Amino acid sequence: MMTHTKEKPHRCIVCEKRFSGKRNLKRHMLTHTKEKPYRCDVCKKRFSVSGNLKTHMLTHTKEKPHRCIVCAKRFSASATLKRHMLTYTKEKPYRCDVCEKRFSLSGNLNSHMLTHTKEKPHRCIVCEKRFSKSGNLKIHMLTHTKAKPHRCIVCAKRFCASTTLKRHMLTHTKEKPYRCDVCEKRFSLSGNLNSHMLTHTKEKPHRCIVCEKRFSKSGNLKIHMLTHTKEKPHRYIVCAKRFCASTTLKRHMLTHTKEKPYRCDVCEKRFSLTYRCGVCEKRFARGGGLKTHMLTHSHQKLHRCEHCEKRFRQRGQLKSHMVIHTKEKPHRCDVCEKRFALSAHLKRHMLIHTNEKPHQCHICKKRFAHSGNLKLHMLTHTKEKPHRCGVCEKRFTQCGQLKRHMLTHTNEKPHQCHICEKRFARGDYLKTHILTHTM
């Protein structure tokens, strides 16, 4: 009856948490006493609850007695089967009283509630870092112990967490069990499906408390917050360069280690970067980078400025362009107080103060402040001219040169003098012309 009345008469004397059943309280008390009275006879691992021991024993016997009646997939625990069934029924019986969001599992609701309460009850005894979930703390502890107990049976690669191993296994099995009901696209992970769904709903539930910018993923918000705090917590021990995101650090490490972790299943050739352009063979660290690059071949410009109708290939290019209209310059140099519309412009500017030239040509050892300048310089060695005019087939080293050349075919003169309204094909011609008014 207590499940109907919501009564919780049994109270923990340590943390005041309340329970509807005496048995639930007893199980909870073991989290305080740290008792684990149930021991596995095979591997000697200990458990606080007998049910957990029974479930664990199935990892030794490899039994999976619970079968899904829809897809025939088998599970070792009935609870895992129940969770799996929710992927078909789409039931979400657990509702958050604060924001009304619904969940299929009570555990997910409990985890979600911590986003409202901001509680982080689990503390690392080594570095004092706190976590909202005990599982996250366990995984974090492995960063101190360096243990990677979970091994892939196919390629022998090792992982800290079993969930990471499961995700990795999908790269071998190619399974994509999660399907979008809107566009039918399939995903290997439920989290990826959830993120994808936001592209249909256009929801951006995560808001920056500093600048009010909104994000569809909490991880993107966390990385964005570092632009305000200026923190770069991830440091590479070889060159001491620091990064906001761990993924950026991992990509950077490949430039030092020369590792080629990605192997072609057909010819066995190995690559350091996993995404390859089918047109020009260029490789990218991320799928998003390849998608953006592909637009240079298709000449599509999907992103349109609502003020001047100008179109762009990338959303980032449109955002950069928008500051021309808004005149905002939110990024300030701490040395000379000069302000910039884009953080990238501020970074480039800072090199004037530091005199750093971190990018070096491996052929002639000449150094450059910007990676883009190094790339252009490299073409003087390779003699490449990758940018081709679609009209007269003439080739250019830089895309900017191609753009200027295209104006000779279109006869466009996009740069206009605000004094006499005379028009010019190039911005530098306009600047020279403006001086005739000031003389």
Protein backbone atom coordinates (compact mmCIF):
# COMPACT_ATOMS: atom_id res chain seq x y z
CA MET A 1 0.00 0.00 0.00
CA MET A 2 2.92 2.34 0.62
CA THR A 3 3.61 2.48 -3.13
CA HIS A 4 0.18 4.14 -3.46
CA THR A 5 0.36 6.38 -0.38
CA LYS A 6 4.00 7.37 -1.08
CA GLU A 7 4.75 6.90 2.64
CA LYS A 8 8.38 6.37 3.61
CA PRO A 9 8.33 5.48 7.32
CA HIS A 10 11.85 3.99 7.48
CA ARG A 11 14.59 6.58 8.01
CA CYS A 12 18.36 6.23 7.74
CA ILE A 13 19.95 7.46 10.99
CA VAL A 14 23.14 8.50 9.14
CA CYS A 15 21.91 10.62 6.20
CA GLU A 16 18.18 11.04 7.00
CA LYS A 17 17.12 9.47 3.67
CA ARG A 18 13.73 7.75 3.92
CA PHE A 19 12.46 4.44 2.50
CA SER A 20 9.08 2.76 2.10
CA GLY A 21 10.37 -0.73 3.00
CA LYS A 22 12.59 -2.03 5.79
CA ARG A 23 14.52 -4.18 3.30
CA ASN A 24 15.35 -1.10 1.20
CA LEU A 25 16.67 0.65 4.30
CA LYS A 26 18.86 -2.37 5.15
CA ARG A 27 20.36 -2.38 1.65
CA HIS A 28 20.95 1.36 1.90
CA MET A 29 22.72 1.04 5.27
CA LEU A 30 25.42 -1.06 3.57
CA THR A 31 26.47 2.06 1.62
CA HIS A 32 27.45 3.59 4.98
CA THR A 33 28.94 0.50 6.64
CA LYS A 34 30.72 -0.58 3.43
CA GLU A 35 29.88 -4.19 4.32
CA LYS A 36 29.97 -6.70 1.50
CA PRO A 37 28.89 -10.00 3.05
CA TYR A 38 28.33 -11.88 -0.26
CA ARG A 39 31.45 -13.32 -1.95
CA CYS A 40 31.90 -14.84 -5.42
CA ASP A 41 33.55 -18.30 -5.12
CA VAL A 42 35.17 -17.95 -8.55
CA CYS A 43 36.92 -14.53 -8.48
CA LYS A 44 36.51 -13.64 -4.77
CA LYS A 45 34.77 -10.34 -5.59
CA ARG A 46 32.42 -9.22 -2.80
CA PHE A 47 28.92 -7.70 -2.91
CA SER A 48 26.65 -5.92 -0.46
CA VAL A 49 23.45 -7.42 -1.92
CA SER A 50 22.83 -11.12 -2.72
CA GLY A 51 21.00 -10.18 -5.92
CA ASN A 52 24.13 -8.43 -7.21
CA LEU A 53 26.15 -11.58 -6.53
CA LYS A 54 23.63 -13.69 -8.50
CA THR A 55 23.81 -11.31 -11.45
CA HIS A 56 27.62 -11.29 -11.24
CA MET A 57 27.79 -15.13 -11.32
CA LEU A 58 26.28 -15.03 -14.81
CA THR A 59 29.45 -13.29 -16.05
CA HIS A 60 31.28 -16.53 -15.21
CA THR A 61 28.63 -18.97 -16.48
CA LYS A 62 27.89 -16.80 -19.56
CA GLU A 63 24.19 -17.59 -19.06
CA LYS A 64 21.63 -15.21 -20.50
CA PRO A 65 18.29 -16.64 -19.35
CA HIS A 66 16.19 -13.55 -20.13
CA ARG A 67 15.09 -13.17 -23.78
CA CYS A 68 13.40 -10.23 -25.51
CA ILE A 69 10.17 -11.42 -27.20
CA VAL A 70 10.51 -8.75 -29.91
CA CYS A 71 14.10 -9.13 -31.20
CA ALA A 72 15.16 -12.36 -29.40
CA LYS A 73 18.18 -10.61 -27.85
CA ARG A 74 19.21 -12.28 -24.56
CA PHE A 75 20.24 -10.78 -21.22
CA SER A 76 21.80 -12.09 -18.03
CA ALA A 77 19.60 -9.95 -15.72
CA SER A 78 15.82 -9.40 -15.81
CA ALA A 79 16.37 -5.72 -14.96
CA THR A 80 18.52 -5.32 -18.10
CA LEU A 81 15.76 -6.94 -20.16
CA LYS A 82 13.19 -4.55 -18.66
CA ARG A 83 15.36 -1.59 -19.59
CA HIS A 84 15.79 -2.98 -23.10
CA MET A 85 12.01 -3.42 -23.53
CA LEU A 86 11.54 0.31 -23.01
CA THR A 87 13.29 0.90 -26.35
CA TYR A 88 10.21 -0.66 -27.96
CA THR A 89 7.40 0.58 -25.69
CA LYS A 90 8.82 4.14 -25.44
CA GLU A 91 7.33 4.30 -21.93
CA LYS A 92 8.64 7.01 -19.63
CA PRO A 93 6.76 6.53 -16.35
CA TYR A 94 9.10 8.62 -14.17
CA ARG A 95 8.54 12.39 -14.21
CA CYS A 96 10.68 15.20 -12.79
CA ASP A 97 8.56 17.41 -10.50
CA VAL A 98 10.74 20.44 -11.29
CA CYS A 99 10.89 20.58 -15.12
CA GLU A 100 8.34 17.83 -16.00
CA LYS A 101 10.90 15.91 -18.09
CA ARG A 102 10.09 12.20 -18.22
CA PHE A 103 12.35 9.14 -17.92
CA SER A 104 12.02 5.45 -18.62
CA LEU A 105 14.11 4.46 -15.55
CA SER A 106 13.91 5.67 -11.95
CA GLY A 107 17.72 5.72 -11.81
CA ASN A 108 17.81 8.15 -14.72
CA LEU A 109 15.32 10.39 -12.90
CA ASN A 110 17.45 10.31 -9.74
CA SER A 111 20.54 11.27 -11.75
CA HIS A 112 18.59 14.03 -13.48
CA MET A 113 17.40 15.48 -10.16
CA LEU A 114 21.02 16.24 -9.27
CA THR A 115 21.09 18.73 -12.18
CA HIS A 116 18.51 20.73 -10.22
CA THR A 117 19.95 20.27 -6.73
CA LYS A 118 23.59 20.61 -7.94
CA GLU A 119 24.51 17.95 -5.38
CA LYS A 120 27.79 16.09 -5.86
CA PRO A 121 27.85 13.67 -2.95
CA HIS A 122 30.69 11.45 -4.22
CA ARG A 123 34.22 12.76 -3.54
CA CYS A 124 37.60 11.56 -4.86
CA ILE A 125 39.94 10.93 -1.91
CA VAL A 126 43.01 11.71 -4.06
CA CYS A 127 42.21 15.06 -5.72
CA GLU A 128 39.02 16.11 -3.86
CA LYS A 129 37.02 16.36 -7.13
CA ARG A 130 33.31 15.71 -6.56
CA PHE A 131 30.77 13.78 -8.66
CA SER A 132 27.00 13.47 -8.74
CA LYS A 133 27.15 9.73 -9.55
CA SER A 134 29.18 7.02 -7.83
CA GLY A 135 29.82 5.40 -11.22
CA ASN A 136 31.49 8.57 -12.47
CA LEU A 137 33.70 8.60 -9.37
CA LYS A 138 34.73 4.97 -9.98
CA ILE A 139 35.71 5.77 -13.57
CA HIS A 140 37.54 8.90 -12.39
CA MET A 141 39.56 6.87 -9.86
CA LEU A 142 41.03 4.90 -12.76
CA THR A 143 42.74 8.11 -13.94
CA HIS A 144 44.78 7.91 -10.71
CA THR A 145 45.40 4.16 -10.75
CA LYS A 146 45.90 4.02 -14.56
CA ALA A 147 44.05 0.68 -14.53
CA LYS A 148 42.26 -0.40 -17.71
CA PRO A 149 40.51 -3.59 -16.63
CA HIS A 150 38.19 -3.97 -19.64
CA ARG A 151 39.75 -5.57 -22.76
CA CYS A 152 38.32 -5.89 -26.26
CA ILE A 153 38.36 -9.57 -27.33
CA VAL A 154 38.75 -8.58 -31.00
CA CYS A 155 41.69 -6.09 -31.03
CA ALA A 156 42.93 -6.39 -27.40
CA LYS A 157 42.54 -2.64 -26.79
CA ARG A 158 41.92 -1.87 -23.10
CA PHE A 159 39.48 0.56 -21.45
CA CYS A 160 38.85 2.07 -18.02
CA ALA A 161 35.06 1.63 -18.13
CA SER A 162 32.87 -1.23 -19.33
CA THR A 163 30.57 1.28 -21.04
CA THR A 164 33.52 2.57 -23.11
CA LEU A 165 34.33 -1.01 -24.10
CA LYS A 166 30.70 -1.58 -25.13
CA ARG A 167 30.78 1.53 -27.31
CA HIS A 168 34.10 0.40 -28.81
CA MET A 169 32.67 -3.07 -29.63
CA LEU A 170 30.13 -1.41 -31.93
CA THR A 171 33.04 -0.37 -34.17
CA HIS A 172 33.60 -4.11 -34.76
CA THR A 173 29.97 -5.29 -34.90
CA LYS A 174 28.70 -2.23 -36.85
CA GLU A 175 25.40 -2.53 -34.93
CA LYS A 176 23.11 0.50 -34.90
CA PRO A 177 20.13 -0.54 -32.75
CA TYR A 178 18.74 2.99 -32.12
CA ARG A 179 16.54 4.49 -34.86
CA CYS A 180 15.20 8.04 -35.25
CA ASP A 181 11.41 7.96 -35.70
CA VAL A 182 11.50 11.17 -37.75
CA CYS A 183 14.13 10.52 -40.45
CA GLU A 184 14.84 6.78 -39.86
CA LYS A 185 18.59 7.42 -39.36
CA ARG A 186 20.17 4.76 -37.13
CA PHE A 187 22.70 5.10 -34.30
CA SER A 188 24.93 2.76 -32.35
CA LEU A 189 24.40 4.65 -29.05
CA SER A 190 21.18 5.90 -27.42
CA GLY A 191 23.00 9.10 -26.41
CA ASN A 192 23.82 9.81 -30.05
CA LEU A 193 20.14 9.33 -30.93
CA ASN A 194 19.09 11.73 -28.15
CA SER A 195 21.56 14.33 -29.42
CA HIS A 196 20.33 13.79 -32.99
CA MET A 197 16.70 14.30 -31.96
CA LEU A 198 17.57 17.87 -30.96
CA THR A 199 18.30 18.60 -34.64
CA HIS A 200 14.61 17.96 -35.27
CA THR A 201 13.20 19.68 -32.17
CA LYS A 202 15.74 22.55 -32.32
CA GLU A 203 15.89 22.40 -28.52
CA LYS A 204 18.90 23.93 -26.79
CA PRO A 205 18.24 23.18 -23.11
CA HIS A 206 21.71 24.08 -21.80
CA ARG A 207 22.25 27.83 -21.19
CA CYS A 208 25.45 29.72 -20.41
CA ILE A 209 24.89 31.83 -17.26
CA VAL A 210 27.48 34.40 -18.43
CA CYS A 211 26.43 35.27 -22.02
CA GLU A 212 23.04 33.50 -22.26
CA LYS A 213 24.18 31.43 -25.27
CA ARG A 214 22.32 28.12 -25.48
CA PHE A 215 23.53 24.63 -26.42
CA SER A 216 21.89 21.35 -27.32
CA LYS A 217 24.51 19.31 -25.39
CA SER A 218 25.78 19.82 -21.85
CA GLY A 219 29.30 18.87 -23.00
CA ASN A 220 29.32 21.74 -25.51
CA LEU A 221 28.24 24.12 -22.74
CA LYS A 222 31.11 22.92 -20.51
CA ILE A 223 33.66 23.54 -23.27
CA HIS A 224 32.06 26.93 -23.99
CA MET A 225 32.35 27.94 -20.32
CA LEU A 226 36.13 27.64 -20.63
CA THR A 227 36.04 30.59 -23.09
CA HIS A 228 34.87 32.71 -20.14
CA THR A 229 37.15 31.24 -17.49
CA LYS A 230 40.13 31.03 -19.92
CA GLU A 231 40.90 27.62 -18.42
CA LYS A 232 42.80 25.05 -20.45
CA PRO A 233 42.85 22.09 -18.08
CA HIS A 234 44.28 19.54 -20.54
CA ARG A 235 48.07 19.77 -20.95
CA TYR A 236 50.33 17.64 -23.12
CA ILE A 237 53.44 16.64 -21.17
CA VAL A 238 55.75 16.66 -24.24
CA CYS A 239 55.29 20.23 -25.53
CA ALA A 240 53.34 21.69 -22.56
CA LYS A 241 50.65 23.01 -24.92
CA ARG A 242 47.28 23.31 -23.19
CA PHE A 243 43.75 22.61 -24.48
CA CYS A 244 40.18 23.28 -23.37
CA ALA A 245 38.88 19.85 -24.41
CA SER A 246 40.37 16.38 -23.89
CA THR A 247 39.38 15.40 -27.44
CA THR A 248 41.48 18.27 -28.84
CA LEU A 249 44.43 17.09 -26.72
CA LYS A 250 44.04 13.53 -28.07
CA ARG A 251 44.09 14.77 -31.66
CA HIS A 252 47.16 16.92 -30.90
CA MET A 253 49.00 13.96 -29.38
CA LEU A 254 48.93 12.15 -32.72
CA THR A 255 51.16 14.90 -34.16
CA HIS A 256 53.85 13.82 -31.65
CA THR A 257 53.33 10.06 -31.45
CA LYS A 258 52.83 9.60 -35.22
CA GLU A 259 50.36 6.86 -34.28
CA LYS A 260 48.02 5.62 -36.97
CA PRO A 261 45.25 3.95 -34.98
CA TYR A 262 42.76 3.67 -37.86
CA ARG A 263 43.19 0.70 -40.22
CA CYS A 264 41.53 0.08 -43.58
CA ASP A 265 39.81 -3.34 -43.48
CA VAL A 266 40.39 -3.84 -47.22
CA CYS A 267 44.10 -2.99 -47.78
CA GLU A 268 45.28 -2.83 -44.12
CA LYS A 269 46.81 0.66 -44.66
CA ARG A 270 46.84 2.67 -41.41
CA PHE A 271 45.90 6.31 -40.78
CA SER A 272 46.19 8.76 -37.91
CA LEU A 273 42.96 10.47 -38.94
CA THR A 274 39.81 8.50 -39.55
CA TYR A 275 37.67 10.51 -42.02
CA ARG A 276 38.81 10.67 -45.67
CA CYS A 277 37.44 12.84 -48.48
CA GLY A 278 36.49 10.62 -51.43
CA VAL A 279 37.21 13.43 -53.91
CA CYS A 280 40.66 14.76 -52.95
CA GLU A 281 41.80 12.12 -50.37
CA LYS A 282 42.27 14.75 -47.62
CA ARG A 283 41.84 13.32 -44.12
CA PHE A 284 40.09 14.71 -41.06
CA ALA A 285 40.03 13.96 -37.34
CA ARG A 286 36.25 14.41 -37.10
CA GLY A 287 33.28 13.59 -39.29
CA GLY A 288 32.09 17.18 -38.90
CA GLY A 289 35.34 18.43 -40.41
CA LEU A 290 34.88 16.14 -43.42
CA LYS A 291 31.26 17.28 -43.90
CA THR A 292 32.35 20.91 -43.88
CA HIS A 293 35.18 20.13 -46.29
CA MET A 294 32.83 18.32 -48.71
CA LEU A 295 30.98 21.60 -49.25
CA THR A 296 34.12 22.99 -50.91
CA HIS A 297 33.57 20.38 -53.65
CA SER A 298 29.79 20.77 -53.92
CA HIS A 299 29.88 24.60 -53.74
CA GLN A 300 26.71 24.52 -51.63
CA LYS A 301 26.13 27.49 -49.37
CA LEU A 302 23.33 26.47 -47.01
CA HIS A 303 23.67 29.24 -44.41
CA ARG A 304 22.14 32.61 -45.36
CA CYS A 305 22.52 36.00 -43.67
CA GLU A 306 19.05 37.43 -42.99
CA HIS A 307 20.38 41.00 -43.26
CA CYS A 308 22.22 41.05 -46.60
CA GLU A 309 21.28 37.65 -48.15
CA LYS A 310 24.96 36.63 -48.41
CA ARG A 311 25.37 32.84 -48.20
CA PHE A 312 28.01 30.71 -46.48
CA ARG A 313 29.12 27.08 -46.48
CA GLN A 314 29.57 26.86 -42.72
CA ARG A 315 27.41 28.05 -39.83
CA GLY A 316 30.59 29.35 -38.17
CA GLN A 317 31.33 31.53 -41.19
CA LEU A 318 27.83 33.00 -40.98
CA LYS A 319 28.30 33.75 -37.26
CA SER A 320 31.61 35.48 -38.01
CA HIS A 321 29.92 37.47 -40.76
CA MET A 322 27.03 38.55 -38.50
CA VAL A 323 29.34 40.72 -36.37
CA ILE A 324 29.66 43.03 -39.41
CA HIS A 325 25.99 43.85 -38.87
CA THR A 326 25.88 43.78 -35.06
CA LYS A 327 29.25 45.62 -34.62
CA GLU A 328 29.81 43.56 -31.43
CA LYS A 329 33.38 43.08 -30.23
CA PRO A 330 33.08 40.97 -27.07
CA HIS A 331 36.71 39.72 -27.00
CA ARG A 332 39.23 42.09 -25.34
CA CYS A 333 43.04 41.95 -25.24
CA ASP A 334 44.23 42.13 -21.62
CA VAL A 335 47.50 43.78 -22.70
CA CYS A 336 46.42 46.70 -24.93
CA GLU A 337 42.61 46.66 -24.40
CA LYS A 338 41.94 46.32 -28.15
CA ARG A 339 38.65 44.56 -28.83
CA PHE A 340 37.76 41.90 -31.40
CA ALA A 341 34.60 40.45 -32.85
CA LEU A 342 35.94 36.88 -32.85
CA SER A 343 37.99 34.94 -30.29
CA ALA A 344 40.16 33.62 -33.16
CA HIS A 345 41.10 37.22 -34.06
CA LEU A 346 42.05 37.89 -30.44
CA LYS A 347 44.26 34.76 -30.38
CA ARG A 348 46.05 35.88 -33.54
CA HIS A 349 46.47 39.37 -32.08
CA MET A 350 48.00 38.02 -28.85
CA LEU A 351 50.92 36.61 -30.87
CA ILE A 352 51.95 40.24 -31.57
CA HIS A 353 52.55 40.67 -27.82
CA THR A 354 54.14 37.26 -27.19
CA ASN A 355 56.13 37.14 -30.47
CA GLU A 356 55.42 33.42 -30.57
CA LYS A 357 55.79 31.53 -33.83
CA PRO A 358 54.69 28.04 -32.86
CA HIS A 359 54.29 26.65 -36.40
CA GLN A 360 57.52 25.49 -38.09
CA CYS A 361 58.14 24.31 -41.65
CA HIS A 362 59.81 20.88 -41.48
CA ILE A 363 61.67 21.51 -44.78
CA CYS A 364 63.33 24.95 -44.36
CA LYS A 365 62.68 25.42 -40.59
CA LYS A 366 61.03 28.82 -41.16
CA ARG A 367 58.56 29.62 -38.34
CA PHE A 368 55.10 31.16 -38.49
CA ALA A 369 52.69 32.64 -35.99
CA HIS A 370 49.63 31.10 -37.69
CA SER A 371 49.05 27.58 -38.99
CA GLY A 372 47.30 29.04 -42.04
CA ASN A 373 50.48 30.93 -42.98
CA LEU A 374 52.50 27.72 -42.65
CA LYS A 375 50.05 25.88 -44.93
CA LEU A 376 50.39 28.59 -47.57
CA HIS A 377 54.18 28.52 -47.19
CA MET A 378 54.26 24.75 -47.70
CA LEU A 379 52.78 25.25 -51.17
CA THR A 380 55.99 27.08 -52.15
CA HIS A 381 57.78 23.74 -51.58
CA THR A 382 55.15 21.43 -53.08
CA LYS A 383 54.24 23.79 -55.96
CA GLU A 384 50.62 22.70 -55.48
CA LYS A 385 47.77 24.83 -56.79
CA PRO A 386 44.71 23.11 -55.32
CA HIS A 387 42.14 25.82 -56.19
CA ARG A 388 40.81 25.58 -59.75
CA CYS A 389 38.62 28.03 -61.67
CA GLY A 390 35.54 26.24 -62.99
CA VAL A 391 35.32 28.60 -65.97
CA CYS A 392 38.85 28.77 -67.46
CA GLU A 393 40.59 25.93 -65.56
CA LYS A 394 43.30 28.30 -64.23
CA ARG A 395 44.71 27.10 -60.89
CA PHE A 396 45.67 29.02 -57.74
CA THR A 397 47.56 28.38 -54.53
CA GLN A 398 45.06 30.19 -52.30
CA CYS A 399 41.25 30.21 -52.34
CA GLY A 400 41.38 34.01 -51.87
CA GLN A 401 43.26 34.30 -55.17
CA LEU A 402 40.63 32.15 -56.86
CA LYS A 403 37.82 34.34 -55.45
CA ARG A 404 39.51 37.48 -56.79
CA HIS A 405 40.04 35.79 -60.15
CA MET A 406 36.36 34.78 -60.37
CA LEU A 407 35.41 38.46 -60.36
CA THR A 408 37.10 38.77 -63.78
CA HIS A 409 34.45 36.36 -65.10
CA THR A 410 31.44 37.70 -63.19
CA ASN A 411 32.45 41.39 -63.43
CA GLU A 412 31.17 41.80 -59.86
CA LYS A 413 32.35 44.80 -57.88
CA PRO A 414 31.21 44.07 -54.32
CA HIS A 415 33.25 46.83 -52.61
CA GLN A 416 31.58 50.28 -52.71
CA CYS A 417 32.92 53.66 -51.64
CA HIS A 418 30.55 55.18 -49.05
CA ILE A 419 31.47 58.72 -50.19
CA CYS A 420 31.10 58.67 -53.99
CA GLU A 421 29.49 55.23 -54.40
CA LYS A 422 32.13 54.07 -56.90
CA ARG A 423 32.50 50.27 -56.86
CA PHE A 424 35.59 48.02 -56.88
CA ALA A 425 36.29 44.34 -57.39
CA ARG A 426 38.77 44.20 -54.50
CA GLY A 427 38.86 45.60 -50.99
CA ASP A 428 42.46 46.83 -51.30
CA TYR A 429 41.49 48.84 -54.41
CA LEU A 430 38.70 50.47 -52.39
CA LYS A 431 41.11 51.34 -49.54
CA THR A 432 43.49 53.02 -51.99
CA HIS A 433 40.57 54.90 -53.53
CA ILE A 434 39.32 56.16 -50.12
CA LEU A 435 42.67 57.93 -49.67
CA THR A 436 41.85 60.16 -52.69
CA HIS A 437 38.99 61.62 -50.62
CA THR A 438 41.11 62.28 -47.53
CA MET A 439 43.97 64.05 -49.43
